[in-house]
Structures are given as structure tokens and as C-alpha cells.
PDB file of all heavy atoms in Angstrom:
ATOM      1  N   HIS A   1      -5.143  19.104 -18.771  1.00  0.00           N
ATOM      2  CA  HIS A   1      -4.357  17.890 -19.043  1.00  0.00           C
ATOM      3  C   HIS A   1      -4.647  16.882 -17.846  1.00  0.00           C
ATOM      4  O   HIS A   1      -4.394  17.078 -16.732  1.00  0.00           O
ATOM      5  CB  HIS A   1      -2.770  18.263 -19.023  1.00  0.00           C
ATOM      6  CG  HIS A   1      -2.423  19.000 -20.207  1.00  0.00           C
ATOM      7  ND1 HIS A   1      -2.460  20.439 -20.147  1.00  0.00           N
ATOM      8  CD2 HIS A   1      -1.941  18.686 -21.445  1.00  0.00           C
ATOM      9  CE1 HIS A   1      -2.045  20.879 -21.337  1.00  0.00           C
ATOM     10  NE2 HIS A   1      -1.755  19.788 -22.115  1.00  0.00           N
ATOM     11  N   ILE A   2      -5.344  15.813 -18.315  1.00  0.00           N
ATOM     12  CA  ILE A   2      -5.935  14.902 -17.259  1.00  0.00           C
ATOM     13  C   ILE A   2      -5.140  13.582 -17.397  1.00  0.00           C
ATOM     14  O   ILE A   2      -5.023  12.931 -18.408  1.00  0.00           O
ATOM     15  CB  ILE A   2      -7.399  14.629 -17.552  1.00  0.00           C
ATOM     16  CG1 ILE A   2      -8.194  15.977 -17.414  1.00  0.00           C
ATOM     17  CG2 ILE A   2      -7.923  13.648 -16.583  1.00  0.00           C
ATOM     18  CD1 ILE A   2      -9.651  15.805 -17.775  1.00  0.00           C
ATOM     19  N   LEU A   3      -4.730  13.093 -16.184  1.00  0.00           N
ATOM     20  CA  LEU A   3      -4.033  11.774 -16.158  1.00  0.00           C
ATOM     21  C   LEU A   3      -5.016  10.661 -15.973  1.00  0.00           C
ATOM     22  O   LEU A   3      -5.866  10.745 -15.039  1.00  0.00           O
ATOM     23  CB  LEU A   3      -3.090  11.755 -14.934  1.00  0.00           C
ATOM     24  CG  LEU A   3      -2.247  10.414 -14.657  1.00  0.00           C
ATOM     25  CD1 LEU A   3      -1.308  10.122 -15.756  1.00  0.00           C
ATOM     26  CD2 LEU A   3      -1.622  10.545 -13.278  1.00  0.00           C
ATOM     27  N   ILE A   4      -4.963   9.659 -16.817  1.00  0.00           N
ATOM     28  CA  ILE A   4      -5.854   8.515 -16.664  1.00  0.00           C
ATOM     29  C   ILE A   4      -5.410   7.671 -15.499  1.00  0.00           C
ATOM     30  O   ILE A   4      -4.210   7.203 -15.394  1.00  0.00           O
ATOM     31  CB  ILE A   4      -5.721   7.619 -17.987  1.00  0.00           C
ATOM     32  CG1 ILE A   4      -6.197   8.399 -19.182  1.00  0.00           C
ATOM     33  CG2 ILE A   4      -6.691   6.396 -17.868  1.00  0.00           C
ATOM     34  CD1 ILE A   4      -7.602   8.974 -19.134  1.00  0.00           C
ATOM     35  N   GLY A   5      -6.284   7.497 -14.534  1.00  0.00           N
ATOM     36  CA  GLY A   5      -5.999   6.785 -13.314  1.00  0.00           C
ATOM     37  C   GLY A   5      -5.809   5.313 -13.420  1.00  0.00           C
ATOM     38  O   GLY A   5      -6.163   4.610 -14.387  1.00  0.00           O
ATOM     39  N   SER A   6      -5.088   4.748 -12.394  1.00  0.00           N
ATOM     40  CA  SER A   6      -4.770   3.294 -12.401  1.00  0.00           C
ATOM     41  C   SER A   6      -6.052   2.461 -12.238  1.00  0.00           C
ATOM     42  O   SER A   6      -6.077   1.299 -12.529  1.00  0.00           O
ATOM     43  CB  SER A   6      -3.789   3.009 -11.347  1.00  0.00           C
ATOM     44  OG  SER A   6      -4.307   3.407 -10.055  1.00  0.00           O
ATOM     45  N   ASP A   7      -7.209   3.083 -11.758  1.00  0.00           N
ATOM     46  CA  ASP A   7      -8.335   2.406 -11.577  1.00  0.00           C
ATOM     47  C   ASP A   7      -9.272   2.448 -12.780  1.00  0.00           C
ATOM     48  O   ASP A   7     -10.450   1.871 -12.794  1.00  0.00           O
ATOM     49  CB  ASP A   7      -9.116   2.975 -10.418  1.00  0.00           C
ATOM     50  CG  ASP A   7      -9.458   4.395 -10.552  1.00  0.00           C
ATOM     51  OD1 ASP A   7      -8.775   5.118 -11.360  1.00  0.00           O
ATOM     52  OD2 ASP A   7     -10.387   4.926  -9.874  1.00  0.00           O
ATOM     53  N   GLU A   8      -8.821   3.063 -13.869  1.00  0.00           N
ATOM     54  CA  GLU A   8      -9.578   3.194 -15.144  1.00  0.00           C
ATOM     55  C   GLU A   8      -9.074   2.156 -16.142  1.00  0.00           C
ATOM     56  O   GLU A   8      -7.904   2.124 -16.520  1.00  0.00           O
ATOM     57  CB  GLU A   8      -9.477   4.569 -15.689  1.00  0.00           C
ATOM     58  CG  GLU A   8     -10.071   5.673 -14.777  1.00  0.00           C
ATOM     59  CD  GLU A   8     -10.031   7.098 -15.411  1.00  0.00           C
ATOM     60  OE1 GLU A   8     -11.055   7.404 -16.163  1.00  0.00           O
ATOM     61  OE2 GLU A   8      -9.049   7.768 -15.214  1.00  0.00           O
ATOM     62  N   ALA A   9     -10.018   1.331 -16.588  1.00  0.00           N
ATOM     63  CA  ALA A   9      -9.619   0.280 -17.537  1.00  0.00           C
ATOM     64  C   ALA A   9      -9.365   0.900 -18.943  1.00  0.00           C
ATOM     65  O   ALA A   9      -9.845   1.937 -19.235  1.00  0.00           O
ATOM     66  CB  ALA A   9     -10.737  -0.756 -17.590  1.00  0.00           C
ATOM     67  N   GLU A  10      -8.698   0.072 -19.765  1.00  0.00           N
ATOM     68  CA  GLU A  10      -8.556   0.423 -21.152  1.00  0.00           C
ATOM     69  C   GLU A  10      -9.895   0.685 -21.781  1.00  0.00           C
ATOM     70  O   GLU A  10     -10.890  -0.025 -21.572  1.00  0.00           O
ATOM     71  CB  GLU A  10      -7.845  -0.715 -21.912  1.00  0.00           C
ATOM     72  CG  GLU A  10      -7.733  -0.527 -23.414  1.00  0.00           C
ATOM     73  CD  GLU A  10      -7.342  -1.732 -24.154  1.00  0.00           C
ATOM     74  OE1 GLU A  10      -6.975  -2.791 -23.517  1.00  0.00           O
ATOM     75  OE2 GLU A  10      -7.437  -1.786 -25.368  1.00  0.00           O
ATOM     76  N   GLN A  11     -10.003   1.718 -22.533  1.00  0.00           N
ATOM     77  CA  GLN A  11     -11.334   2.070 -23.215  1.00  0.00           C
ATOM     78  C   GLN A  11     -11.117   3.075 -24.343  1.00  0.00           C
ATOM     79  O   GLN A  11     -10.009   3.698 -24.451  1.00  0.00           O
ATOM     80  CB  GLN A  11     -12.240   2.741 -22.038  1.00  0.00           C
ATOM     81  CG  GLN A  11     -11.648   3.909 -21.471  1.00  0.00           C
ATOM     82  CD  GLN A  11     -12.506   4.364 -20.224  1.00  0.00           C
ATOM     83  OE1 GLN A  11     -13.609   4.756 -20.388  1.00  0.00           O
ATOM     84  NE2 GLN A  11     -11.906   4.237 -19.086  1.00  0.00           N
ATOM     85  N   ARG A  12     -12.106   3.312 -25.152  1.00  0.00           N
ATOM     86  CA  ARG A  12     -12.007   4.222 -26.234  1.00  0.00           C
ATOM     87  C   ARG A  12     -12.079   5.703 -25.735  1.00  0.00           C
ATOM     88  O   ARG A  12     -12.829   6.007 -24.767  1.00  0.00           O
ATOM     89  CB  ARG A  12     -13.185   4.014 -27.271  1.00  0.00           C
ATOM     90  CG  ARG A  12     -12.982   2.783 -28.128  1.00  0.00           C
ATOM     91  CD  ARG A  12     -14.199   2.598 -28.970  1.00  0.00           C
ATOM     92  NE  ARG A  12     -14.659   3.716 -29.764  1.00  0.00           N
ATOM     93  CZ  ARG A  12     -14.890   3.754 -31.090  1.00  0.00           C
ATOM     94  NH1 ARG A  12     -14.821   2.578 -31.718  1.00  0.00           N
ATOM     95  NH2 ARG A  12     -15.289   4.848 -31.617  1.00  0.00           N
ATOM     96  N   ILE A  13     -11.277   6.576 -26.318  1.00  0.00           N
ATOM     97  CA  ILE A  13     -11.282   7.924 -25.881  1.00  0.00           C
ATOM     98  C   ILE A  13     -12.630   8.558 -25.939  1.00  0.00           C
ATOM     99  O   ILE A  13     -13.011   9.417 -25.122  1.00  0.00           O
ATOM    100  CB  ILE A  13     -10.238   8.721 -26.655  1.00  0.00           C
ATOM    101  CG1 ILE A  13     -10.089  10.211 -26.239  1.00  0.00           C
ATOM    102  CG2 ILE A  13     -10.521   8.638 -28.175  1.00  0.00           C
ATOM    103  CD1 ILE A  13      -9.452  10.345 -24.782  1.00  0.00           C
ATOM    104  N   ASP A  14     -13.413   8.321 -27.014  1.00  0.00           N
ATOM    105  CA  ASP A  14     -14.668   8.997 -27.162  1.00  0.00           C
ATOM    106  C   ASP A  14     -15.665   8.594 -26.005  1.00  0.00           C
ATOM    107  O   ASP A  14     -16.511   9.395 -25.480  1.00  0.00           O
ATOM    108  CB  ASP A  14     -15.382   8.667 -28.502  1.00  0.00           C
ATOM    109  CG  ASP A  14     -15.443   7.274 -28.881  1.00  0.00           C
ATOM    110  OD1 ASP A  14     -14.976   6.391 -28.135  1.00  0.00           O
ATOM    111  OD2 ASP A  14     -15.988   7.034 -30.024  1.00  0.00           O
ATOM    112  N   ARG A  15     -15.667   7.333 -25.627  1.00  0.00           N
ATOM    113  CA  ARG A  15     -16.541   6.905 -24.518  1.00  0.00           C
ATOM    114  C   ARG A  15     -16.048   7.460 -23.174  1.00  0.00           C
ATOM    115  O   ARG A  15     -16.919   7.867 -22.341  1.00  0.00           O
ATOM    116  CB  ARG A  15     -16.533   5.399 -24.492  1.00  0.00           C
ATOM    117  CG  ARG A  15     -17.145   4.732 -25.646  1.00  0.00           C
ATOM    118  CD  ARG A  15     -16.902   3.256 -25.732  1.00  0.00           C
ATOM    119  NE  ARG A  15     -17.236   2.709 -27.051  1.00  0.00           N
ATOM    120  CZ  ARG A  15     -16.866   1.485 -27.437  1.00  0.00           C
ATOM    121  NH1 ARG A  15     -16.211   0.648 -26.656  1.00  0.00           N
ATOM    122  NH2 ARG A  15     -17.134   1.120 -28.622  1.00  0.00           N
ATOM    123  N   TRP A  16     -14.781   7.591 -23.007  1.00  0.00           N
ATOM    124  CA  TRP A  16     -14.175   8.237 -21.787  1.00  0.00           C
ATOM    125  C   TRP A  16     -14.679   9.692 -21.723  1.00  0.00           C
ATOM    126  O   TRP A  16     -15.094  10.186 -20.657  1.00  0.00           O
ATOM    127  CB  TRP A  16     -12.714   8.078 -21.835  1.00  0.00           C
ATOM    128  CG  TRP A  16     -12.002   8.693 -20.564  1.00  0.00           C
ATOM    129  CD1 TRP A  16     -11.813   8.208 -19.346  1.00  0.00           C
ATOM    130  CD2 TRP A  16     -11.488  10.059 -20.504  1.00  0.00           C
ATOM    131  NE1 TRP A  16     -11.143   9.016 -18.480  1.00  0.00           N
ATOM    132  CE2 TRP A  16     -10.998  10.227 -19.194  1.00  0.00           C
ATOM    133  CE3 TRP A  16     -11.349  11.098 -21.427  1.00  0.00           C
ATOM    134  CZ2 TRP A  16     -10.314  11.364 -18.836  1.00  0.00           C
ATOM    135  CZ3 TRP A  16     -10.792  12.309 -20.947  1.00  0.00           C
ATOM    136  CH2 TRP A  16     -10.276  12.333 -19.693  1.00  0.00           C
ATOM    137  N   LEU A  17     -14.609  10.469 -22.834  1.00  0.00           N
ATOM    138  CA  LEU A  17     -14.912  11.768 -22.884  1.00  0.00           C
ATOM    139  C   LEU A  17     -16.374  12.046 -22.628  1.00  0.00           C
ATOM    140  O   LEU A  17     -16.724  12.920 -21.854  1.00  0.00           O
ATOM    141  CB  LEU A  17     -14.561  12.414 -24.288  1.00  0.00           C
ATOM    142  CG  LEU A  17     -13.065  12.694 -24.509  1.00  0.00           C
ATOM    143  CD1 LEU A  17     -12.843  12.885 -25.952  1.00  0.00           C
ATOM    144  CD2 LEU A  17     -12.639  13.851 -23.621  1.00  0.00           C
ATOM    145  N   ARG A  18     -17.285  11.175 -23.151  1.00  0.00           N
ATOM    146  CA  ARG A  18     -18.693  11.414 -23.003  1.00  0.00           C
ATOM    147  C   ARG A  18     -19.206  11.117 -21.554  1.00  0.00           C
ATOM    148  O   ARG A  18     -20.099  11.764 -21.118  1.00  0.00           O
ATOM    149  CB  ARG A  18     -19.461  10.511 -24.004  1.00  0.00           C
ATOM    150  CG  ARG A  18     -19.451  11.010 -25.421  1.00  0.00           C
ATOM    151  CD  ARG A  18     -20.564  10.523 -26.290  1.00  0.00           C
ATOM    152  NE  ARG A  18     -20.803   9.140 -26.125  1.00  0.00           N
ATOM    153  CZ  ARG A  18     -20.084   8.210 -26.781  1.00  0.00           C
ATOM    154  NH1 ARG A  18     -19.153   8.613 -27.646  1.00  0.00           N
ATOM    155  NH2 ARG A  18     -20.272   6.998 -26.607  1.00  0.00           N
ATOM    156  N   ARG A  19     -18.463  10.213 -20.891  1.00  0.00           N
ATOM    157  CA  ARG A  19     -18.812   9.873 -19.487  1.00  0.00           C
ATOM    158  C   ARG A  19     -18.338  11.068 -18.586  1.00  0.00           C
ATOM    159  O   ARG A  19     -18.912  11.349 -17.590  1.00  0.00           O
ATOM    160  CB  ARG A  19     -18.183   8.593 -19.005  1.00  0.00           C
ATOM    161  CG  ARG A  19     -18.918   7.361 -19.553  1.00  0.00           C
ATOM    162  CD  ARG A  19     -18.509   6.118 -18.649  1.00  0.00           C
ATOM    163  NE  ARG A  19     -17.136   5.773 -19.043  1.00  0.00           N
ATOM    164  CZ  ARG A  19     -16.729   5.011 -20.082  1.00  0.00           C
ATOM    165  NH1 ARG A  19     -17.665   4.531 -20.848  1.00  0.00           N
ATOM    166  NH2 ARG A  19     -15.490   4.695 -20.211  1.00  0.00           N
ATOM    167  N   ARG A  20     -17.136  11.624 -18.943  1.00  0.00           N
ATOM    168  CA  ARG A  20     -16.610  12.711 -18.186  1.00  0.00           C
ATOM    169  C   ARG A  20     -17.238  14.018 -18.409  1.00  0.00           C
ATOM    170  O   ARG A  20     -17.370  14.880 -17.486  1.00  0.00           O
ATOM    171  CB  ARG A  20     -15.174  12.761 -18.382  1.00  0.00           C
ATOM    172  CG  ARG A  20     -14.332  13.474 -17.237  1.00  0.00           C
ATOM    173  CD  ARG A  20     -12.836  13.150 -17.290  1.00  0.00           C
ATOM    174  NE  ARG A  20     -12.119  13.637 -16.208  1.00  0.00           N
ATOM    175  CZ  ARG A  20     -11.471  12.941 -15.286  1.00  0.00           C
ATOM    176  NH1 ARG A  20     -11.465  11.623 -15.498  1.00  0.00           N
ATOM    177  NH2 ARG A  20     -10.802  13.481 -14.324  1.00  0.00           N
ATOM    178  N   PHE A  21     -17.569  14.371 -19.614  1.00  0.00           N
ATOM    179  CA  PHE A  21     -18.135  15.652 -20.007  1.00  0.00           C
ATOM    180  C   PHE A  21     -19.554  15.356 -20.725  1.00  0.00           C
ATOM    181  O   PHE A  21     -19.554  15.045 -21.857  1.00  0.00           O
ATOM    182  CB  PHE A  21     -17.204  16.390 -21.035  1.00  0.00           C
ATOM    183  CG  PHE A  21     -15.795  16.557 -20.431  1.00  0.00           C
ATOM    184  CD1 PHE A  21     -14.837  15.685 -20.870  1.00  0.00           C
ATOM    185  CD2 PHE A  21     -15.571  17.491 -19.520  1.00  0.00           C
ATOM    186  CE1 PHE A  21     -13.520  15.822 -20.391  1.00  0.00           C
ATOM    187  CE2 PHE A  21     -14.236  17.712 -19.023  1.00  0.00           C
ATOM    188  CZ  PHE A  21     -13.226  16.849 -19.414  1.00  0.00           C
ATOM    189  N   THR A  22     -20.543  15.356 -19.944  1.00  0.00           N
ATOM    190  CA  THR A  22     -21.864  14.914 -20.459  1.00  0.00           C
ATOM    191  C   THR A  22     -22.531  15.759 -21.484  1.00  0.00           C
ATOM    192  O   THR A  22     -23.498  15.411 -22.094  1.00  0.00           O
ATOM    193  CB  THR A  22     -22.772  14.694 -19.190  1.00  0.00           C
ATOM    194  OG1 THR A  22     -22.907  15.967 -18.597  1.00  0.00           O
ATOM    195  CG2 THR A  22     -22.286  13.655 -18.281  1.00  0.00           C
ATOM    196  N   ASN A  23     -22.046  17.017 -21.608  1.00  0.00           N
ATOM    197  CA  ASN A  23     -22.615  17.946 -22.600  1.00  0.00           C
ATOM    198  C   ASN A  23     -21.889  17.924 -23.978  1.00  0.00           C
ATOM    199  O   ASN A  23     -22.249  18.754 -24.724  1.00  0.00           O
ATOM    200  CB  ASN A  23     -22.715  19.264 -22.007  1.00  0.00           C
ATOM    201  CG  ASN A  23     -21.218  19.888 -21.864  1.00  0.00           C
ATOM    202  OD1 ASN A  23     -20.207  19.131 -21.759  1.00  0.00           O
ATOM    203  ND2 ASN A  23     -21.121  21.222 -21.878  1.00  0.00           N
ATOM    204  N   ILE A  24     -21.007  16.946 -24.208  1.00  0.00           N
ATOM    205  CA  ILE A  24     -20.284  16.921 -25.456  1.00  0.00           C
ATOM    206  C   ILE A  24     -20.817  15.796 -26.338  1.00  0.00           C
ATOM    207  O   ILE A  24     -21.170  14.691 -25.702  1.00  0.00           O
ATOM    208  CB  ILE A  24     -18.777  16.780 -25.256  1.00  0.00           C
ATOM    209  CG1 ILE A  24     -18.045  16.971 -26.633  1.00  0.00           C
ATOM    210  CG2 ILE A  24     -18.410  15.388 -24.593  1.00  0.00           C
ATOM    211  CD1 ILE A  24     -16.442  17.022 -26.419  1.00  0.00           C
ATOM    212  N   SER A  25     -21.041  15.950 -27.600  1.00  0.00           N
ATOM    213  CA  SER A  25     -21.662  14.937 -28.488  1.00  0.00           C
ATOM    214  C   SER A  25     -20.506  14.109 -29.191  1.00  0.00           C
ATOM    215  O   SER A  25     -19.325  14.620 -29.308  1.00  0.00           O
ATOM    216  CB  SER A  25     -22.523  15.614 -29.430  1.00  0.00           C
ATOM    217  OG  SER A  25     -21.767  16.288 -30.435  1.00  0.00           O
ATOM    218  N   GLN A  26     -20.913  13.114 -29.736  1.00  0.00           N
ATOM    219  CA  GLN A  26     -19.959  12.259 -30.596  1.00  0.00           C
ATOM    220  C   GLN A  26     -19.317  13.094 -31.681  1.00  0.00           C
ATOM    221  O   GLN A  26     -18.181  12.948 -31.943  1.00  0.00           O
ATOM    222  CB  GLN A  26     -20.648  11.054 -31.017  1.00  0.00           C
ATOM    223  CG  GLN A  26     -19.743  10.072 -31.892  1.00  0.00           C
ATOM    224  CD  GLN A  26     -18.689   9.382 -31.047  1.00  0.00           C
ATOM    225  OE1 GLN A  26     -18.842   9.207 -29.864  1.00  0.00           O
ATOM    226  NE2 GLN A  26     -17.634   8.862 -31.717  1.00  0.00           N
ATOM    227  N   ILE A  27     -20.291  13.822 -32.379  1.00  0.00           N
ATOM    228  CA  ILE A  27     -19.742  14.601 -33.583  1.00  0.00           C
ATOM    229  C   ILE A  27     -18.791  15.659 -33.116  1.00  0.00           C
ATOM    230  O   ILE A  27     -17.780  15.863 -33.864  1.00  0.00           O
ATOM    231  CB  ILE A  27     -21.013  15.233 -34.226  1.00  0.00           C
ATOM    232  CG1 ILE A  27     -21.883  14.184 -34.861  1.00  0.00           C
ATOM    233  CG2 ILE A  27     -20.528  16.207 -35.299  1.00  0.00           C
ATOM    234  CD1 ILE A  27     -23.102  14.686 -35.530  1.00  0.00           C
ATOM    235  N   GLN A  28     -19.061  16.292 -31.966  1.00  0.00           N
ATOM    236  CA  GLN A  28     -18.061  17.219 -31.540  1.00  0.00           C
ATOM    237  C   GLN A  28     -16.673  16.660 -31.174  1.00  0.00           C
ATOM    238  O   GLN A  28     -15.629  17.204 -31.505  1.00  0.00           O
ATOM    239  CB  GLN A  28     -18.647  18.026 -30.323  1.00  0.00           C
ATOM    240  CG  GLN A  28     -19.750  18.912 -30.719  1.00  0.00           C
ATOM    241  CD  GLN A  28     -20.590  19.348 -29.490  1.00  0.00           C
ATOM    242  OE1 GLN A  28     -20.583  18.691 -28.483  1.00  0.00           O
ATOM    243  NE2 GLN A  28     -21.307  20.460 -29.630  1.00  0.00           N
ATOM    244  N   ILE A  29     -16.714  15.398 -30.564  1.00  0.00           N
ATOM    245  CA  ILE A  29     -15.543  14.699 -30.257  1.00  0.00           C
ATOM    246  C   ILE A  29     -14.709  14.426 -31.489  1.00  0.00           C
ATOM    247  O   ILE A  29     -13.463  14.643 -31.544  1.00  0.00           O
ATOM    248  CB  ILE A  29     -15.821  13.468 -29.503  1.00  0.00           C
ATOM    249  CG1 ILE A  29     -16.339  13.687 -28.081  1.00  0.00           C
ATOM    250  CG2 ILE A  29     -14.529  12.525 -29.364  1.00  0.00           C
ATOM    251  CD1 ILE A  29     -16.936  12.519 -27.338  1.00  0.00           C
ATOM    252  N   GLU A  30     -15.376  13.962 -32.570  1.00  0.00           N
ATOM    253  CA  GLU A  30     -14.683  13.609 -33.766  1.00  0.00           C
ATOM    254  C   GLU A  30     -14.029  14.880 -34.406  1.00  0.00           C
ATOM    255  O   GLU A  30     -13.050  14.766 -34.944  1.00  0.00           O
ATOM    256  CB  GLU A  30     -15.618  12.872 -34.698  1.00  0.00           C
ATOM    257  CG  GLU A  30     -16.110  11.605 -34.116  1.00  0.00           C
ATOM    258  CD  GLU A  30     -16.787  10.671 -35.178  1.00  0.00           C
ATOM    259  OE1 GLU A  30     -16.728  11.036 -36.391  1.00  0.00           O
ATOM    260  OE2 GLU A  30     -17.366   9.629 -34.811  1.00  0.00           O
ATOM    261  N   LYS A  31     -14.811  15.978 -34.399  1.00  0.00           N
ATOM    262  CA  LYS A  31     -14.238  17.207 -34.872  1.00  0.00           C
ATOM    263  C   LYS A  31     -12.977  17.603 -34.202  1.00  0.00           C
ATOM    264  O   LYS A  31     -11.997  18.001 -34.714  1.00  0.00           O
ATOM    265  CB  LYS A  31     -15.263  18.352 -34.932  1.00  0.00           C
ATOM    266  CG  LYS A  31     -16.388  18.190 -35.932  1.00  0.00           C
ATOM    267  CD  LYS A  31     -17.319  19.339 -35.872  1.00  0.00           C
ATOM    268  CE  LYS A  31     -18.408  19.202 -36.893  1.00  0.00           C
ATOM    269  NZ  LYS A  31     -19.396  20.359 -36.831  1.00  0.00           N
ATOM    270  N   LEU A  32     -13.048  17.583 -32.806  1.00  0.00           N
ATOM    271  CA  LEU A  32     -11.912  18.025 -31.980  1.00  0.00           C
ATOM    272  C   LEU A  32     -10.752  17.027 -32.289  1.00  0.00           C
ATOM    273  O   LEU A  32      -9.576  17.549 -32.275  1.00  0.00           O
ATOM    274  CB  LEU A  32     -12.287  18.000 -30.528  1.00  0.00           C
ATOM    275  CG  LEU A  32     -13.325  19.057 -30.099  1.00  0.00           C
ATOM    276  CD1 LEU A  32     -13.790  18.873 -28.722  1.00  0.00           C
ATOM    277  CD2 LEU A  32     -12.665  20.481 -30.265  1.00  0.00           C
ATOM    278  N   CYS A  33     -10.987  15.797 -32.485  1.00  0.00           N
ATOM    279  CA  CYS A  33      -9.830  14.858 -32.709  1.00  0.00           C
ATOM    280  C   CYS A  33      -9.284  15.130 -34.138  1.00  0.00           C
ATOM    281  O   CYS A  33      -8.004  15.160 -34.329  1.00  0.00           O
ATOM    282  CB  CYS A  33     -10.401  13.445 -32.712  1.00  0.00           C
ATOM    283  SG  CYS A  33     -10.757  12.843 -31.081  1.00  0.00           S
ATOM    284  N   ARG A  34     -10.072  15.412 -35.139  1.00  0.00           N
ATOM    285  CA  ARG A  34      -9.594  15.719 -36.489  1.00  0.00           C
ATOM    286  C   ARG A  34      -8.689  16.917 -36.520  1.00  0.00           C
ATOM    287  O   ARG A  34      -7.713  17.004 -37.210  1.00  0.00           O
ATOM    288  CB  ARG A  34     -10.702  15.836 -37.510  1.00  0.00           C
ATOM    289  CG  ARG A  34     -11.329  14.562 -37.850  1.00  0.00           C
ATOM    290  CD  ARG A  34     -12.180  14.678 -39.143  1.00  0.00           C
ATOM    291  NE  ARG A  34     -13.211  15.685 -39.004  1.00  0.00           N
ATOM    292  CZ  ARG A  34     -14.472  15.428 -38.579  1.00  0.00           C
ATOM    293  NH1 ARG A  34     -14.776  14.160 -38.204  1.00  0.00           N
ATOM    294  NH2 ARG A  34     -15.374  16.365 -38.486  1.00  0.00           N
ATOM    295  N   LYS A  35      -9.112  17.893 -35.711  1.00  0.00           N
ATOM    296  CA  LYS A  35      -8.444  19.207 -35.591  1.00  0.00           C
ATOM    297  C   LYS A  35      -7.095  19.103 -34.642  1.00  0.00           C
ATOM    298  O   LYS A  35      -6.392  20.106 -34.579  1.00  0.00           O
ATOM    299  CB  LYS A  35      -9.285  20.352 -35.146  1.00  0.00           C
ATOM    300  CG  LYS A  35     -10.375  20.663 -36.131  1.00  0.00           C
ATOM    301  CD  LYS A  35     -11.294  21.751 -35.626  1.00  0.00           C
ATOM    302  CE  LYS A  35     -12.354  22.085 -36.587  1.00  0.00           C
ATOM    303  NZ  LYS A  35     -13.302  23.186 -36.139  1.00  0.00           N
ATOM    304  N   GLY A  36      -6.988  18.001 -34.052  1.00  0.00           N
ATOM    305  CA  GLY A  36      -5.780  17.813 -33.179  1.00  0.00           C
ATOM    306  C   GLY A  36      -5.909  18.575 -31.840  1.00  0.00           C
ATOM    307  O   GLY A  36      -4.937  18.744 -31.147  1.00  0.00           O
ATOM    308  N   GLN A  37      -7.150  18.979 -31.456  1.00  0.00           N
ATOM    309  CA  GLN A  37      -7.406  19.651 -30.237  1.00  0.00           C
ATOM    310  C   GLN A  37      -7.486  18.743 -28.994  1.00  0.00           C
ATOM    311  O   GLN A  37      -7.217  19.176 -27.961  1.00  0.00           O
ATOM    312  CB  GLN A  37      -8.634  20.532 -30.237  1.00  0.00           C
ATOM    313  CG  GLN A  37      -8.510  21.635 -31.299  1.00  0.00           C
ATOM    314  CD  GLN A  37      -9.677  22.542 -31.242  1.00  0.00           C
ATOM    315  OE1 GLN A  37     -10.109  23.069 -30.239  1.00  0.00           O
ATOM    316  NE2 GLN A  37     -10.335  22.822 -32.429  1.00  0.00           N
ATOM    317  N   ILE A  38      -7.899  17.491 -29.271  1.00  0.00           N
ATOM    318  CA  ILE A  38      -7.740  16.461 -28.183  1.00  0.00           C
ATOM    319  C   ILE A  38      -6.581  15.557 -28.524  1.00  0.00           C
ATOM    320  O   ILE A  38      -6.476  15.073 -29.624  1.00  0.00           O
ATOM    321  CB  ILE A  38      -9.023  15.663 -28.171  1.00  0.00           C
ATOM    322  CG1 ILE A  38     -10.224  16.465 -27.829  1.00  0.00           C
ATOM    323  CG2 ILE A  38      -8.881  14.505 -27.188  1.00  0.00           C
ATOM    324  CD1 ILE A  38     -11.529  15.717 -27.805  1.00  0.00           C
ATOM    325  N   ARG A  39      -5.601  15.472 -27.560  1.00  0.00           N
ATOM    326  CA  ARG A  39      -4.438  14.612 -27.801  1.00  0.00           C
ATOM    327  C   ARG A  39      -4.064  13.774 -26.628  1.00  0.00           C
ATOM    328  O   ARG A  39      -4.548  13.927 -25.560  1.00  0.00           O
ATOM    329  CB  ARG A  39      -3.199  15.617 -28.037  1.00  0.00           C
ATOM    330  CG  ARG A  39      -3.281  16.431 -29.261  1.00  0.00           C
ATOM    331  CD  ARG A  39      -2.211  17.389 -29.448  1.00  0.00           C
ATOM    332  NE  ARG A  39      -2.271  18.134 -30.709  1.00  0.00           N
ATOM    333  CZ  ARG A  39      -1.425  17.890 -31.831  1.00  0.00           C
ATOM    334  NH1 ARG A  39      -0.452  16.910 -31.622  1.00  0.00           N
ATOM    335  NH2 ARG A  39      -1.473  18.572 -32.896  1.00  0.00           N
ATOM    336  N   VAL A  40      -3.357  12.628 -26.918  1.00  0.00           N
ATOM    337  CA  VAL A  40      -2.998  11.724 -26.009  1.00  0.00           C
ATOM    338  C   VAL A  40      -1.431  11.666 -25.865  1.00  0.00           C
ATOM    339  O   VAL A  40      -0.867  11.392 -26.937  1.00  0.00           O
ATOM    340  CB  VAL A  40      -3.569  10.289 -26.169  1.00  0.00           C
ATOM    341  CG1 VAL A  40      -3.036   9.271 -25.177  1.00  0.00           C
ATOM    342  CG2 VAL A  40      -5.091  10.287 -26.094  1.00  0.00           C
ATOM    343  N   ASN A  41      -0.913  12.023 -24.718  1.00  0.00           N
ATOM    344  CA  ASN A  41       0.585  11.981 -24.562  1.00  0.00           C
ATOM    345  C   ASN A  41       1.146  12.910 -25.670  1.00  0.00           C
ATOM    346  O   ASN A  41       2.242  12.616 -26.217  1.00  0.00           O
ATOM    347  CB  ASN A  41       1.105  10.642 -24.637  1.00  0.00           C
ATOM    348  CG  ASN A  41       0.945   9.866 -23.272  1.00  0.00           C
ATOM    349  OD1 ASN A  41       0.474  10.405 -22.372  1.00  0.00           O
ATOM    350  ND2 ASN A  41       1.184   8.646 -23.348  1.00  0.00           N
ATOM    351  N   GLY A  42       0.446  14.000 -26.009  1.00  0.00           N
ATOM    352  CA  GLY A  42       1.016  14.978 -26.969  1.00  0.00           C
ATOM    353  C   GLY A  42       0.714  14.594 -28.483  1.00  0.00           C
ATOM    354  O   GLY A  42       1.006  15.395 -29.387  1.00  0.00           O
ATOM    355  N   GLY A  43       0.219  13.412 -28.740  1.00  0.00           N
ATOM    356  CA  GLY A  43       0.064  12.947 -30.103  1.00  0.00           C
ATOM    357  C   GLY A  43      -1.421  13.063 -30.565  1.00  0.00           C
ATOM    358  O   GLY A  43      -2.269  12.970 -29.751  1.00  0.00           O
TER     359      GLY A  43
END
């Protein structure tokens, strides 16, 4: 559970994930979002 810091500007979740986890692909991100495995504030 990662807190978005005050020094991080508004941005898309997929771009934030790919910068933070360089071995994850766009397709994998979309699958994880569809399955509800990646969530923001529980949603």
C-alpha cells in the first residue's frame, strides 16, 4: 500500500506504475486493473 507523495504531480496510474515497476507491461497493468487487484483508496 503506497502513499502518493506531495511531490508527485497528478498523473495516470499506468504511467506511475511503469515508472515505479520497470518490469511490468501496459497489458499486465490493464489486466490487474480489470480484476480489481490494483486499487486507489480501496476502489
